[in-house]
């Protein structure tokens, strides 16, 4: 039976940067860290200072971890609304999260991470685990959505563009109203 419309909400996958050592056993995704998939040691370095990286830093520091948050850009979470960011920055300061901006991770090794800032490399030692929080990309595997009898395919949520849950809820409700 053909459908009048198909709504695709396949979500998003984390992006993984091409950094030597990123596939090591002591490297976790942000999702793995938040869901407790594997024990994280006392000192954790987070790669990526966007909203997800900041939230992971907040979560892990609340759990008693010593957290270093690294970001390639000159500031953390540049696309977050100012009131939320003010609150989040305050929490990170209160929990003594070390924030390193304008710093690119160039290598992950056992127990250490090499950062590059302004052309100079610096090794940060004593790292137990690394968490990758460098963003998401839409899941665009729409092979199941290629039936030519379908008159309309609508892509919503993170499958369209990774954002926060409120956008996904809004787009789902909007799609339901329009159908």
N, C-alpha and C. Protein backbone atom coordinates (compact mmCIF):
# COMPACT_ATOMS: atom_id res chain seq x y z
N UNK A 1 0.84 -1.17 0.00
CA UNK A 1 0.00 0.00 0.00
C UNK A 1 0.89 1.24 0.00
N UNK A 2 0.71 2.15 -0.91
CA UNK A 2 1.55 3.36 -0.95
C UNK A 2 1.16 4.32 0.17
N UNK A 3 2.13 5.10 0.60
CA UNK A 3 1.90 6.10 1.63
C UNK A 3 1.76 7.46 0.96
N UNK A 4 0.98 8.35 1.58
CA UNK A 4 0.86 9.71 1.07
C UNK A 4 2.12 10.51 1.39
N UNK A 5 2.69 10.22 2.54
CA UNK A 5 3.88 10.96 2.96
C UNK A 5 4.70 10.10 3.91
N UNK A 6 6.01 10.26 3.84
CA UNK A 6 6.92 9.56 4.73
C UNK A 6 7.72 10.62 5.49
N UNK A 7 7.79 10.48 6.82
CA UNK A 7 8.58 11.38 7.64
C UNK A 7 9.83 10.63 8.07
N UNK A 8 10.97 11.16 7.72
CA UNK A 8 12.25 10.55 8.04
C UNK A 8 12.87 11.32 9.21
N UNK A 9 13.10 10.61 10.32
CA UNK A 9 13.70 11.20 11.51
C UNK A 9 14.76 10.22 12.02
N UNK A 10 15.81 10.04 11.23
CA UNK A 10 16.82 9.03 11.52
C UNK A 10 17.89 9.48 12.50
N UNK A 11 17.89 10.76 12.87
CA UNK A 11 18.84 11.24 13.87
C UNK A 11 20.18 11.62 13.28
N UNK A 12 21.20 11.60 14.12
CA UNK A 12 22.54 12.03 13.72
C UNK A 12 23.58 11.11 14.33
N UNK A 13 24.74 11.10 13.73
CA UNK A 13 25.89 10.34 14.22
C UNK A 13 26.97 11.32 14.65
N UNK A 14 27.74 10.97 15.67
CA UNK A 14 28.83 11.86 16.07
C UNK A 14 29.92 11.93 15.00
N UNK A 15 30.50 13.10 14.85
CA UNK A 15 31.65 13.23 13.97
C UNK A 15 32.90 12.85 14.76
N UNK A 16 33.82 12.20 14.08
CA UNK A 16 35.08 11.81 14.72
C UNK A 16 36.21 12.44 13.92
N UNK A 17 36.96 13.33 14.54
CA UNK A 17 38.04 13.99 13.81
C UNK A 17 39.18 13.03 13.49
N UNK A 18 39.94 13.36 12.47
CA UNK A 18 41.09 12.55 12.08
C UNK A 18 42.30 12.98 12.92
N UNK A 19 42.40 12.39 14.09
CA UNK A 19 43.50 12.68 15.01
C UNK A 19 44.21 11.36 15.29
N UNK A 20 45.52 11.31 15.12
CA UNK A 20 46.23 10.08 15.49
C UNK A 20 45.92 9.71 16.94
N UNK A 21 45.51 8.46 17.14
CA UNK A 21 45.19 7.95 18.47
C UNK A 21 43.72 8.03 18.84
N UNK A 22 42.90 8.60 17.97
CA UNK A 22 41.47 8.76 18.30
C UNK A 22 40.75 7.42 18.44
N UNK A 23 41.32 6.37 17.88
CA UNK A 23 40.69 5.05 17.97
C UNK A 23 41.24 4.21 19.13
N UNK A 24 41.95 4.83 20.05
CA UNK A 24 42.51 4.12 21.21
C UNK A 24 41.42 3.71 22.18
N UNK A 25 41.74 2.71 23.00
CA UNK A 25 40.77 2.20 23.98
C UNK A 25 40.38 3.21 25.04
N UNK A 26 41.21 4.20 25.30
CA UNK A 26 40.91 5.17 26.35
C UNK A 26 40.20 6.42 25.80
N UNK A 27 39.71 6.33 24.56
CA UNK A 27 38.98 7.43 23.93
C UNK A 27 37.51 7.04 23.82
N UNK A 28 36.63 7.91 24.32
CA UNK A 28 35.19 7.67 24.32
C UNK A 28 34.47 8.76 23.56
N UNK A 29 33.27 8.46 23.09
CA UNK A 29 32.40 9.49 22.52
C UNK A 29 31.70 10.22 23.67
N UNK A 30 31.15 11.39 23.37
CA UNK A 30 30.39 12.13 24.38
C UNK A 30 29.22 11.29 24.87
N UNK A 31 28.55 10.63 23.96
CA UNK A 31 27.41 9.78 24.32
C UNK A 31 27.84 8.67 25.27
N UNK A 32 28.96 8.01 24.97
CA UNK A 32 29.46 6.95 25.84
C UNK A 32 29.76 7.49 27.25
N UNK A 33 30.36 8.68 27.30
CA UNK A 33 30.70 9.28 28.60
C UNK A 33 29.44 9.60 29.39
N UNK A 34 28.44 10.16 28.73
CA UNK A 34 27.21 10.55 29.42
C UNK A 34 26.39 9.34 29.87
N UNK A 35 26.46 8.26 29.09
CA UNK A 35 25.68 7.07 29.43
C UNK A 35 26.45 6.09 30.32
N UNK A 36 27.67 6.44 30.69
CA UNK A 36 28.45 5.60 31.58
C UNK A 36 28.92 4.29 30.97
N UNK A 37 29.16 4.30 29.66
CA UNK A 37 29.63 3.09 28.96
C UNK A 37 31.13 2.94 29.14
N UNK A 38 31.50 2.45 30.26
CA UNK A 38 32.92 2.26 30.55
C UNK A 38 33.35 3.24 31.62
N UNK A 39 34.20 2.80 32.51
CA UNK A 39 34.65 3.68 33.59
C UNK A 39 35.64 4.72 33.07
N UNK A 40 35.43 5.96 33.47
CA UNK A 40 36.36 7.02 33.13
C UNK A 40 37.24 7.31 34.34
N UNK A 41 38.51 7.52 34.08
CA UNK A 41 39.46 7.80 35.15
C UNK A 41 39.25 9.18 35.75
N UNK A 42 40.14 9.54 36.63
CA UNK A 42 40.02 10.80 37.38
C UNK A 42 40.25 12.03 36.50
N UNK A 43 41.18 11.96 35.55
CA UNK A 43 41.52 13.15 34.74
C UNK A 43 41.10 12.90 33.29
N UNK A 44 40.17 13.74 32.81
CA UNK A 44 39.57 13.55 31.49
C UNK A 44 39.75 14.80 30.65
N UNK A 45 40.20 14.62 29.42
CA UNK A 45 40.31 15.73 28.47
C UNK A 45 39.20 15.58 27.44
N UNK A 46 38.46 16.66 27.23
CA UNK A 46 37.36 16.66 26.26
C UNK A 46 37.81 17.44 25.03
N UNK A 47 37.65 16.80 23.88
CA UNK A 47 37.98 17.44 22.60
C UNK A 47 36.68 18.01 22.04
N UNK A 48 36.58 19.33 21.98
CA UNK A 48 35.39 19.99 21.45
C UNK A 48 34.68 20.80 22.51
N UNK A 49 34.67 22.11 22.33
CA UNK A 49 34.06 23.01 23.31
C UNK A 49 32.75 23.62 22.84
N UNK A 50 32.02 22.89 22.00
CA UNK A 50 30.67 23.33 21.66
C UNK A 50 29.73 23.01 22.82
N UNK A 51 28.44 23.11 22.57
CA UNK A 51 27.48 22.86 23.65
C UNK A 51 27.62 21.46 24.22
N UNK A 52 27.76 20.45 23.37
CA UNK A 52 27.87 19.08 23.88
C UNK A 52 29.13 18.93 24.72
N UNK A 53 30.25 19.43 24.25
CA UNK A 53 31.49 19.34 25.03
C UNK A 53 31.37 20.04 26.38
N UNK A 54 30.74 21.21 26.39
CA UNK A 54 30.54 21.95 27.64
C UNK A 54 29.63 21.18 28.60
N UNK A 55 28.58 20.58 28.05
CA UNK A 55 27.68 19.81 28.90
C UNK A 55 28.34 18.55 29.45
N UNK A 56 29.18 17.91 28.63
CA UNK A 56 29.92 16.74 29.11
C UNK A 56 30.90 17.17 30.21
N UNK A 57 31.56 18.30 30.01
CA UNK A 57 32.49 18.82 31.03
C UNK A 57 31.75 19.09 32.33
N UNK A 58 30.57 19.67 32.24
CA UNK A 58 29.75 19.95 33.42
C UNK A 58 29.37 18.65 34.12
N UNK A 59 28.91 17.69 33.35
CA UNK A 59 28.48 16.39 33.88
C UNK A 59 29.63 15.65 34.57
N UNK A 60 30.77 15.57 33.89
CA UNK A 60 31.90 14.82 34.44
C UNK A 60 32.51 15.51 35.65
N UNK A 61 32.57 16.84 35.61
CA UNK A 61 33.12 17.56 36.77
C UNK A 61 32.19 17.41 37.98
N UNK A 62 30.88 17.34 37.74
CA UNK A 62 29.93 17.11 38.84
C UNK A 62 30.11 15.72 39.43
N UNK A 63 30.63 14.80 38.61
CA UNK A 63 30.89 13.43 39.09
C UNK A 63 32.27 13.32 39.73
N UNK A 64 32.95 14.45 39.93
CA UNK A 64 34.23 14.45 40.62
C UNK A 64 35.45 14.29 39.74
N UNK A 65 35.27 14.35 38.43
CA UNK A 65 36.41 14.23 37.51
C UNK A 65 37.15 15.56 37.41
N UNK A 66 38.44 15.48 37.15
CA UNK A 66 39.26 16.65 36.86
C UNK A 66 39.21 16.81 35.34
N UNK A 67 38.57 17.87 34.84
CA UNK A 67 38.25 18.00 33.42
C UNK A 67 39.03 19.13 32.76
N UNK A 68 39.56 18.81 31.58
CA UNK A 68 40.17 19.80 30.70
C UNK A 68 39.32 19.84 29.44
N UNK A 69 38.82 21.01 29.08
CA UNK A 69 37.98 21.19 27.90
C UNK A 69 38.78 21.94 26.84
N UNK A 70 38.95 21.33 25.66
CA UNK A 70 39.72 21.97 24.59
C UNK A 70 38.81 22.37 23.44
N UNK A 71 39.11 23.49 22.83
CA UNK A 71 38.34 24.01 21.69
C UNK A 71 39.28 24.69 20.71
N UNK A 72 39.10 24.41 19.42
CA UNK A 72 39.93 25.03 18.39
C UNK A 72 39.62 26.52 18.21
N UNK A 73 38.38 26.90 18.42
CA UNK A 73 37.97 28.30 18.23
C UNK A 73 38.42 29.15 19.42
N UNK A 74 38.36 30.47 19.28
CA UNK A 74 38.79 31.35 20.37
C UNK A 74 37.85 31.36 21.59
N UNK A 75 36.66 30.79 21.46
CA UNK A 75 35.72 30.77 22.57
C UNK A 75 34.94 29.45 22.55
N UNK A 76 34.39 29.08 23.69
CA UNK A 76 33.58 27.87 23.76
C UNK A 76 32.12 28.20 23.44
N UNK A 77 31.43 27.21 22.90
CA UNK A 77 29.99 27.26 22.63
C UNK A 77 29.51 28.58 22.03
N UNK A 78 30.06 28.97 20.88
CA UNK A 78 29.70 30.28 20.32
C UNK A 78 28.25 30.40 19.86
N UNK A 79 27.55 29.30 19.63
CA UNK A 79 26.19 29.37 19.10
C UNK A 79 25.12 29.18 20.17
N UNK A 80 25.53 29.17 21.42
CA UNK A 80 24.59 28.97 22.52
C UNK A 80 24.05 30.34 22.94
N UNK A 81 22.75 30.37 23.26
CA UNK A 81 22.14 31.64 23.66
C UNK A 81 22.83 32.19 24.90
N UNK A 82 22.98 33.52 24.97
CA UNK A 82 23.75 34.13 26.07
C UNK A 82 23.29 33.77 27.48
N UNK A 83 21.98 33.74 27.79
CA UNK A 83 21.63 33.38 29.18
C UNK A 83 22.07 31.96 29.55
N UNK A 84 21.89 31.02 28.65
CA UNK A 84 22.31 29.64 28.93
C UNK A 84 23.82 29.56 29.08
N UNK A 85 24.52 30.27 28.20
CA UNK A 85 25.98 30.21 28.23
C UNK A 85 26.54 30.84 29.50
N UNK A 86 25.93 31.91 29.97
CA UNK A 86 26.37 32.55 31.22
C UNK A 86 26.28 31.55 32.37
N UNK A 87 25.15 30.85 32.45
CA UNK A 87 24.94 29.84 33.50
C UNK A 87 25.96 28.71 33.36
N UNK A 88 26.17 28.22 32.14
CA UNK A 88 27.08 27.10 31.92
C UNK A 88 28.52 27.49 32.24
N UNK A 89 28.95 28.68 31.82
CA UNK A 89 30.31 29.15 32.14
C UNK A 89 30.52 29.23 33.65
N UNK A 90 29.50 29.72 34.36
CA UNK A 90 29.60 29.83 35.81
C UNK A 90 29.77 28.45 36.44
N UNK A 91 29.01 27.47 35.97
CA UNK A 91 29.13 26.10 36.50
C UNK A 91 30.51 25.53 36.22
N UNK A 92 31.04 25.77 35.01
CA UNK A 92 32.37 25.24 34.68
C UNK A 92 33.44 25.89 35.56
N UNK A 93 33.32 27.19 35.80
CA UNK A 93 34.27 27.88 36.69
C UNK A 93 34.19 27.33 38.11
N UNK A 94 32.96 27.17 38.62
CA UNK A 94 32.77 26.67 39.98
C UNK A 94 33.36 25.28 40.17
N UNK A 95 33.36 24.49 39.11
CA UNK A 95 33.86 23.11 39.19
C UNK A 95 35.31 23.00 38.74
N UNK A 96 35.95 24.15 38.53
CA UNK A 96 37.37 24.21 38.16
C UNK A 96 37.70 23.46 36.88
N UNK A 97 36.78 23.52 35.90
CA UNK A 97 37.08 22.94 34.60
C UNK A 97 38.10 23.83 33.91
N UNK A 98 39.19 23.22 33.48
CA UNK A 98 40.24 23.96 32.77
C UNK A 98 39.82 24.08 31.30
N UNK A 99 39.69 25.31 30.82
CA UNK A 99 39.26 25.54 29.44
C UNK A 99 40.45 26.04 28.64
N UNK A 100 40.72 25.35 27.54
CA UNK A 100 41.82 25.74 26.64
C UNK A 100 41.23 26.03 25.27
N UNK A 101 41.18 27.29 24.91
CA UNK A 101 40.65 27.69 23.61
C UNK A 101 41.80 27.92 22.62
N UNK A 102 41.43 28.08 21.36
CA UNK A 102 42.41 28.25 20.27
C UNK A 102 43.46 27.13 20.31
N UNK A 103 43.02 25.96 20.73
CA UNK A 103 43.92 24.81 20.90
C UNK A 103 43.41 23.63 20.09
N UNK A 104 44.25 23.15 19.19
CA UNK A 104 43.90 22.01 18.34
C UNK A 104 44.58 20.75 18.88
N UNK A 105 43.81 19.69 19.03
CA UNK A 105 44.39 18.41 19.44
C UNK A 105 45.04 17.79 18.21
N UNK A 106 46.33 17.52 18.29
CA UNK A 106 47.05 16.96 17.14
C UNK A 106 47.43 15.49 17.32
N UNK A 107 47.38 15.01 18.58
CA UNK A 107 47.75 13.61 18.81
C UNK A 107 47.21 13.18 20.18
N UNK A 108 46.70 11.96 20.19
CA UNK A 108 46.25 11.35 21.44
C UNK A 108 47.12 10.12 21.67
N UNK A 109 47.77 10.08 22.81
CA UNK A 109 48.63 8.94 23.16
C UNK A 109 48.19 8.41 24.52
N UNK A 110 48.73 7.27 24.90
CA UNK A 110 48.42 6.70 26.22
C UNK A 110 48.90 7.66 27.30
N UNK A 111 47.96 8.19 28.08
CA UNK A 111 48.31 9.06 29.19
C UNK A 111 48.57 10.51 28.85
N UNK A 112 48.52 10.87 27.57
CA UNK A 112 48.79 12.27 27.22
C UNK A 112 48.11 12.67 25.91
N UNK A 113 47.95 13.99 25.77
CA UNK A 113 47.37 14.57 24.57
C UNK A 113 48.26 15.74 24.16
N UNK A 114 48.53 15.81 22.86
CA UNK A 114 49.34 16.92 22.34
C UNK A 114 48.43 17.96 21.72
N UNK A 115 48.54 19.20 22.21
CA UNK A 115 47.77 20.33 21.69
C UNK A 115 48.68 21.26 20.91
N UNK A 116 48.10 21.92 19.92
CA UNK A 116 48.83 22.95 19.18
C UNK A 116 48.09 24.27 19.36
N UNK A 117 48.83 25.29 19.79
CA UNK A 117 48.27 26.63 19.95
C UNK A 117 49.27 27.63 19.42
N UNK A 118 48.82 28.44 18.49
CA UNK A 118 49.66 29.47 17.87
C UNK A 118 50.96 28.89 17.35
N UNK A 119 50.88 27.71 16.72
CA UNK A 119 52.03 27.09 16.09
C UNK A 119 52.94 26.31 17.01
N UNK A 120 52.67 26.34 18.31
CA UNK A 120 53.51 25.62 19.26
C UNK A 120 52.75 24.43 19.83
N UNK A 121 53.45 23.32 19.96
CA UNK A 121 52.85 22.12 20.53
C UNK A 121 53.14 22.04 22.02
N UNK A 122 52.15 21.53 22.75
CA UNK A 122 52.30 21.34 24.19
C UNK A 122 51.68 20.00 24.56
N UNK A 123 52.40 19.23 25.34
CA UNK A 123 51.90 17.92 25.78
C UNK A 123 51.25 18.08 27.15
N UNK A 124 50.01 17.59 27.22
CA UNK A 124 49.26 17.57 28.48
C UNK A 124 49.32 16.13 28.99
N UNK A 125 49.99 15.91 30.08
CA UNK A 125 50.16 14.57 30.62
C UNK A 125 49.17 14.25 31.72
N UNK A 126 49.23 13.01 32.17
CA UNK A 126 48.36 12.57 33.25
C UNK A 126 46.90 12.41 32.86
N UNK A 127 46.65 12.21 31.58
CA UNK A 127 45.28 12.06 31.07
C UNK A 127 44.87 10.59 31.15
N UNK A 128 43.79 10.32 31.86
CA UNK A 128 43.28 8.95 31.96
C UNK A 128 42.42 8.58 30.76
N UNK A 129 41.54 9.49 30.36
CA UNK A 129 40.64 9.23 29.24
C UNK A 129 40.42 10.51 28.44
N UNK A 130 40.04 10.31 27.18
CA UNK A 130 39.72 11.41 26.27
C UNK A 130 38.28 11.21 25.80
N UNK A 131 37.52 12.29 25.77
CA UNK A 131 36.14 12.24 25.28
C UNK A 131 36.05 13.12 24.05
N UNK A 132 35.52 12.56 22.95
CA UNK A 132 35.36 13.29 21.70
C UNK A 132 33.95 13.87 21.65
N UNK A 133 33.87 15.20 21.57
CA UNK A 133 32.59 15.91 21.51
C UNK A 133 32.70 16.98 20.42
N UNK A 134 32.92 16.52 19.19
CA UNK A 134 33.20 17.45 18.09
C UNK A 134 32.02 17.64 17.14
N UNK A 135 30.83 17.35 17.60
CA UNK A 135 29.65 17.62 16.80
C UNK A 135 29.02 16.38 16.21
N UNK A 136 27.98 16.61 15.43
CA UNK A 136 27.20 15.53 14.83
C UNK A 136 26.94 15.83 13.37
N UNK A 137 26.68 14.77 12.62
CA UNK A 137 26.30 14.91 11.21
C UNK A 137 25.01 14.11 11.01
N UNK A 138 24.14 14.58 10.12
CA UNK A 138 22.86 13.88 9.92
C UNK A 138 23.06 12.46 9.42
N UNK A 139 22.22 11.56 9.90
CA UNK A 139 22.16 10.21 9.33
C UNK A 139 21.35 10.33 8.06
N UNK A 140 21.97 10.09 6.97
CA UNK A 140 21.29 10.27 5.69
C UNK A 140 21.22 8.99 4.89
N UNK A 141 21.04 7.89 5.57
CA UNK A 141 20.89 6.61 4.89
C UNK A 141 19.40 6.40 4.62
N UNK A 142 18.96 6.92 3.49
CA UNK A 142 17.55 6.89 3.16
C UNK A 142 17.21 5.79 2.16
N UNK A 143 18.01 4.73 2.12
CA UNK A 143 17.76 3.65 1.16
C UNK A 143 16.36 3.07 1.30
N UNK A 144 15.85 3.03 2.52
CA UNK A 144 14.51 2.47 2.75
C UNK A 144 13.42 3.43 2.27
N UNK A 145 13.80 4.64 1.91
CA UNK A 145 12.82 5.66 1.53
C UNK A 145 12.82 5.94 0.03
N UNK A 146 13.11 4.94 -0.75
CA UNK A 146 13.24 5.18 -2.19
C UNK A 146 12.10 4.60 -3.00
N UNK A 147 11.06 4.17 -2.34
CA UNK A 147 9.90 3.61 -3.04
C UNK A 147 9.26 4.71 -3.88
N UNK A 148 9.18 4.52 -5.18
CA UNK A 148 8.66 5.55 -6.09
C UNK A 148 7.17 5.80 -5.91
N UNK A 149 6.47 4.92 -5.18
CA UNK A 149 5.04 5.14 -4.97
C UNK A 149 4.77 6.18 -3.88
N UNK A 150 5.80 6.57 -3.14
CA UNK A 150 5.60 7.57 -2.10
C UNK A 150 5.58 8.95 -2.73
N UNK A 151 4.57 9.70 -2.42
CA UNK A 151 4.42 11.00 -3.08
C UNK A 151 5.28 12.08 -2.44
N UNK A 152 5.56 11.94 -1.16
CA UNK A 152 6.34 13.00 -0.50
C UNK A 152 7.17 12.39 0.63
N UNK A 153 8.43 12.83 0.70
CA UNK A 153 9.31 12.44 1.79
C UNK A 153 9.74 13.71 2.51
N UNK A 154 9.55 13.73 3.82
CA UNK A 154 9.88 14.90 4.64
C UNK A 154 10.96 14.49 5.62
N UNK A 155 12.08 15.21 5.65
CA UNK A 155 13.20 14.92 6.55
C UNK A 155 13.17 15.95 7.67
N UNK A 156 13.13 15.45 8.91
CA UNK A 156 13.02 16.35 10.06
C UNK A 156 14.07 16.02 11.11
N UNK A 157 14.16 16.90 12.11
CA UNK A 157 15.05 16.68 13.24
C UNK A 157 16.51 16.65 12.84
N UNK A 158 17.28 15.86 13.57
CA UNK A 158 18.72 15.79 13.31
C UNK A 158 19.04 15.18 11.96
N UNK A 159 18.11 14.43 11.38
CA UNK A 159 18.33 13.89 10.03
C UNK A 159 18.42 15.03 9.02
N UNK A 160 17.77 16.13 9.33
CA UNK A 160 17.84 17.32 8.49
C UNK A 160 19.09 18.14 8.82
N UNK A 161 19.23 18.47 10.11
CA UNK A 161 20.38 19.24 10.59
C UNK A 161 20.49 19.03 12.09
N UNK A 162 21.63 18.56 12.58
CA UNK A 162 21.77 18.33 14.03
C UNK A 162 21.62 19.63 14.82
N UNK A 163 20.71 19.60 15.76
CA UNK A 163 20.46 20.72 16.67
C UNK A 163 20.04 20.13 18.00
N UNK A 164 19.32 20.89 18.81
CA UNK A 164 18.91 20.34 20.11
C UNK A 164 17.54 19.68 20.03
N UNK A 165 17.14 19.05 21.12
CA UNK A 165 15.90 18.27 21.17
C UNK A 165 14.67 19.14 20.92
N UNK A 166 14.71 20.39 21.35
CA UNK A 166 13.54 21.26 21.15
C UNK A 166 13.23 21.44 19.67
N UNK A 167 14.26 21.55 18.84
CA UNK A 167 14.03 21.67 17.39
C UNK A 167 13.40 20.40 16.83
N UNK A 168 13.89 19.26 17.27
CA UNK A 168 13.34 17.99 16.79
C UNK A 168 11.87 17.85 17.18
N UNK A 169 11.55 18.21 18.41
CA UNK A 169 10.16 18.15 18.87
C UNK A 169 9.29 19.10 18.05
N UNK A 170 9.79 20.31 17.85
CA UNK A 170 9.05 21.30 17.07
C UNK A 170 8.79 20.79 15.65
N UNK A 171 9.83 20.28 14.99
CA UNK A 171 9.66 19.82 13.62
C UNK A 171 8.75 18.61 13.53
N UNK A 172 8.80 17.72 14.53
CA UNK A 172 7.89 16.58 14.54
C UNK A 172 6.45 17.03 14.71
N UNK A 173 6.21 17.96 15.62
CA UNK A 173 4.84 18.46 15.82
C UNK A 173 4.36 19.22 14.59
N UNK A 174 5.23 19.99 13.98
CA UNK A 174 4.87 20.74 12.77
C UNK A 174 4.52 19.80 11.63
N UNK A 175 5.33 18.76 11.45
CA UNK A 175 5.05 17.78 10.40
C UNK A 175 3.70 17.10 10.64
N UNK A 176 3.43 16.74 11.89
CA UNK A 176 2.15 16.09 12.21
C UNK A 176 0.97 17.01 11.90
N UNK A 177 1.09 18.29 12.23
CA UNK A 177 0.01 19.26 11.95
C UNK A 177 -0.20 19.43 10.45
N UNK A 178 0.88 19.47 9.71
CA UNK A 178 0.77 19.71 8.26
C UNK A 178 0.26 18.49 7.48
N UNK A 179 0.49 17.33 8.02
CA UNK A 179 0.03 16.11 7.34
C UNK A 179 -1.45 15.97 7.59
